[in-house]
N, C-alpha and C. Protein backbone atom coordinates (compact mmCIF):
# COMPACT_ATOMS: atom_id res chain seq x y z
N MET A 1 -6.55 -15.25 -6.86
CA MET A 1 -7.73 -14.11 -7.06
C MET A 1 -7.35 -14.38 -8.38
N SER A 2 -8.67 -13.55 -9.03
CA SER A 2 -9.06 -13.12 -10.02
C SER A 2 -7.49 -12.68 -11.17
N ALA A 3 -8.15 -12.23 -12.09
CA ALA A 3 -6.73 -11.55 -13.22
C ALA A 3 -7.61 -10.12 -13.55
N GLU A 4 -9.33 -10.16 -13.24
CA GLU A 4 -9.56 -8.31 -13.26
C GLU A 4 -9.08 -8.07 -11.32
N ARG A 5 -9.09 -8.38 -10.36
CA ARG A 5 -9.01 -8.28 -9.34
C ARG A 5 -7.56 -7.72 -9.07
N LEU A 6 -6.88 -7.19 -9.76
CA LEU A 6 -4.69 -7.50 -9.84
C LEU A 6 -5.17 -6.95 -10.93
N THR A 7 -5.58 -6.74 -11.57
CA THR A 7 -5.05 -5.35 -12.17
C THR A 7 -6.39 -4.06 -11.40
N GLU A 8 -7.32 -4.59 -10.82
CA GLU A 8 -7.36 -3.16 -9.86
C GLU A 8 -6.91 -2.69 -8.92
N LEU A 9 -5.96 -3.70 -8.18
CA LEU A 9 -5.18 -3.68 -7.23
C LEU A 9 -3.67 -2.88 -7.98
N ARG A 10 -3.59 -2.98 -9.29
CA ARG A 10 -2.71 -2.44 -9.44
C ARG A 10 -2.35 -1.26 -10.07
N SER A 11 -3.44 -0.73 -10.68
CA SER A 11 -3.57 0.87 -10.24
C SER A 11 -4.17 1.37 -9.66
N GLU A 12 -4.67 0.36 -8.11
CA GLU A 12 -5.18 1.63 -7.20
C GLU A 12 -3.64 1.26 -6.57
N PHE A 13 -2.89 0.76 -7.01
CA PHE A 13 -1.24 0.50 -5.87
C PHE A 13 -1.30 1.98 -6.89
N SER A 14 -0.83 1.98 -8.34
CA SER A 14 -0.64 2.76 -9.38
C SER A 14 -1.01 4.01 -8.83
N ALA A 15 -1.91 4.75 -8.03
CA ALA A 15 -2.15 5.66 -8.09
C ALA A 15 -1.72 6.09 -7.02
N ILE A 16 -1.10 4.97 -5.74
CA ILE A 16 -0.84 5.92 -4.26
C ILE A 16 0.45 5.84 -4.68
N ASP A 17 1.10 5.01 -5.88
CA ASP A 17 3.06 5.62 -5.54
C ASP A 17 3.18 6.30 -7.25
N THR A 18 2.70 7.38 -6.02
CA THR A 18 2.89 9.03 -6.90
C THR A 18 4.35 9.03 -7.65
N ASP A 19 5.11 8.27 -7.15
CA ASP A 19 7.12 9.04 -7.54
C ASP A 19 7.03 7.59 -9.03
N GLY A 20 6.36 6.70 -8.86
CA GLY A 20 6.33 5.34 -9.91
C GLY A 20 7.25 4.91 -9.22
N ASP A 21 8.18 4.69 -8.15
CA ASP A 21 9.32 3.77 -7.94
C ASP A 21 8.56 2.52 -7.95
N GLY A 22 7.65 1.69 -7.76
CA GLY A 22 6.54 0.58 -7.41
C GLY A 22 6.68 0.25 -5.68
N PHE A 23 7.04 1.10 -4.94
CA PHE A 23 6.83 1.44 -3.52
C PHE A 23 5.58 2.20 -2.79
N ILE A 24 5.89 2.28 -1.66
CA ILE A 24 4.09 2.80 -0.98
C ILE A 24 5.08 3.05 -0.07
N THR A 25 4.86 4.77 -0.07
CA THR A 25 5.55 5.15 1.11
C THR A 25 4.41 5.99 2.22
N GLU A 26 5.36 6.01 3.16
CA GLU A 26 3.73 6.40 4.55
C GLU A 26 3.85 8.12 3.13
N GLY A 27 4.95 8.68 3.33
CA GLY A 27 4.34 9.84 2.55
C GLY A 27 3.29 9.92 1.58
N GLU A 28 3.53 8.71 0.69
CA GLU A 28 2.76 8.43 -0.67
C GLU A 28 1.34 7.93 -0.09
N LEU A 29 1.18 7.59 0.94
CA LEU A 29 0.04 7.12 2.31
C LEU A 29 -0.47 8.38 2.60
N ALA A 30 0.32 9.48 3.04
CA ALA A 30 -0.01 10.44 3.99
C ALA A 30 -0.81 11.53 2.84
N GLY A 31 0.13 11.78 1.93
CA GLY A 31 -0.44 12.31 0.51
C GLY A 31 -2.26 11.82 -0.63
N ARG A 32 -2.11 10.92 -0.08
CA ARG A 32 -2.96 9.81 -1.06
C ARG A 32 -4.24 10.06 -0.07
N PHE A 33 -3.27 10.01 1.52
CA PHE A 33 -5.21 10.11 2.16
C PHE A 33 -4.24 10.79 3.41
N PRO A 34 -5.31 11.92 2.82
CA PRO A 34 -4.85 13.25 3.88
C PRO A 34 -5.16 13.66 5.40
N ASP A 35 -6.51 12.17 5.81
CA ASP A 35 -6.87 12.59 6.72
C ASP A 35 -6.66 10.71 7.65
N LEU A 36 -5.96 10.39 7.01
CA LEU A 36 -5.57 8.89 7.58
C LEU A 36 -5.14 9.16 8.45
N PRO A 37 -5.21 9.47 10.12
CA PRO A 37 -4.66 9.17 10.87
C PRO A 37 -2.82 8.95 11.44
N ALA A 38 -1.98 9.08 11.50
CA ALA A 38 -0.53 8.48 12.07
C ALA A 38 -0.56 7.75 12.70
N GLU A 39 -1.81 7.15 13.89
CA GLU A 39 -1.42 5.87 14.03
C GLU A 39 -2.32 4.98 12.57
N ALA A 40 -2.70 5.34 12.54
CA ALA A 40 -3.09 4.15 11.69
C ALA A 40 -2.46 3.86 10.27
N ILE A 41 -1.50 4.81 9.85
CA ILE A 41 -0.48 4.46 8.63
C ILE A 41 0.64 3.55 9.86
N GLY A 42 0.98 4.29 11.32
CA GLY A 42 1.64 2.74 11.90
C GLY A 42 1.09 1.42 11.95
N SER A 43 0.24 2.05 11.62
CA SER A 43 -0.32 -0.05 12.16
C SER A 43 0.22 -0.01 10.88
N LEU A 44 -0.45 -0.05 9.44
CA LEU A 44 -0.44 -0.56 8.82
C LEU A 44 1.26 -1.15 8.37
N ASN A 45 1.58 -0.12 8.29
CA ASN A 45 3.17 -0.36 8.32
C ASN A 45 3.74 -2.09 9.09
N ARG A 46 2.69 -1.96 10.72
CA ARG A 46 3.48 -2.87 12.03
C ARG A 46 2.64 -4.28 10.06
N ASP A 47 1.72 -4.48 10.11
CA ASP A 47 0.38 -5.59 9.67
C ASP A 47 1.45 -5.77 8.12
N ALA A 48 1.74 -4.28 7.76
CA ALA A 48 1.62 -5.14 6.46
C ALA A 48 3.65 -4.97 5.79
N ASP A 49 4.05 -4.81 5.98
CA ASP A 49 5.67 -4.66 5.11
C ASP A 49 6.16 -5.07 6.00
N SER A 50 5.90 -6.47 5.34
CA SER A 50 6.39 -7.64 6.21
C SER A 50 7.80 -7.56 5.79
N ASP A 51 8.08 -6.71 4.31
CA ASP A 51 10.32 -7.38 5.30
C ASP A 51 10.74 -5.54 5.84
N GLY A 52 9.82 -5.42 6.16
CA GLY A 52 10.76 -4.48 6.92
C GLY A 52 11.19 -3.25 6.73
N ASP A 53 11.24 -3.06 5.52
CA ASP A 53 12.00 -1.37 4.77
C ASP A 53 10.91 -0.75 4.64
N GLY A 54 10.04 -0.07 5.52
CA GLY A 54 9.45 0.55 5.83
C GLY A 54 8.43 1.06 4.08
N ARG A 55 8.70 0.33 3.70
CA ARG A 55 7.60 0.82 2.30
C ARG A 55 6.87 -0.51 2.23
N PHE A 56 6.36 -0.81 1.38
CA PHE A 56 4.84 -1.59 0.86
C PHE A 56 5.29 -2.04 -0.93
N SER A 57 6.08 -3.22 -1.09
CA SER A 57 5.75 -3.30 -1.94
C SER A 57 4.45 -3.79 -3.31
N PHE A 58 4.22 -4.03 -4.18
CA PHE A 58 2.80 -4.59 -4.84
C PHE A 58 3.07 -6.31 -4.55
N GLU A 59 3.15 -6.81 -4.29
CA GLU A 59 2.96 -7.75 -3.60
C GLU A 59 2.69 -8.17 -2.46
N GLU A 60 3.12 -6.72 -1.30
CA GLU A 60 2.62 -6.65 0.38
C GLU A 60 1.37 -5.47 0.05
N PHE A 61 1.69 -5.06 -0.96
CA PHE A 61 0.07 -4.26 -1.00
C PHE A 61 -1.26 -5.32 -0.74
N VAL A 62 -0.84 -7.02 -2.25
CA VAL A 62 -1.53 -7.89 -2.24
C VAL A 62 -2.26 -8.24 -1.50
N ARG A 63 -1.36 -8.18 -1.14
CA ARG A 63 -1.58 -9.28 0.46
C ARG A 63 -2.47 -8.70 1.91
N LEU A 64 -2.18 -7.17 1.54
CA LEU A 64 -2.89 -6.43 2.34
C LEU A 64 -4.59 -6.41 2.45
N MET A 65 -4.58 -5.67 1.09
CA MET A 65 -5.62 -5.93 0.09
C MET A 65 -6.61 -7.33 0.06
N SER A 66 -6.03 -8.43 -0.10
CA SER A 66 -7.00 -9.32 -0.13
C SER A 66 -7.11 -10.18 1.30
N GLN A 67 -7.03 -9.82 2.52
CA GLN A 67 -7.12 -10.38 3.88
C GLN A 67 -7.80 -9.87 4.13
N ASP A 68 -9.21 -10.11 5.07
CA ASP A 68 -10.87 -10.61 5.23
C ASP A 68 -11.00 -9.65 6.35
C-alpha cells in the first residue's frame, strides 16, 4: 500500500475517531454515519474486529478498507 493511501486512511480514521483515543467504537461509527443500520455495524464488528475487543484499531481499519 502506498504512503499516499495510508495517509488518506489515517485521515479517514481520525475523522471517525472523535475522541482521539486511537480506536473507533460503535458509538463513533453511529455518530459519523447516522443512517448506517445497526445490523451493518454488527457486521463490521464481526468482520473487522480481529482481536474481539469491540473497537477498531487503525491496523484493523486499514485491513478492512483494503479488502476487495
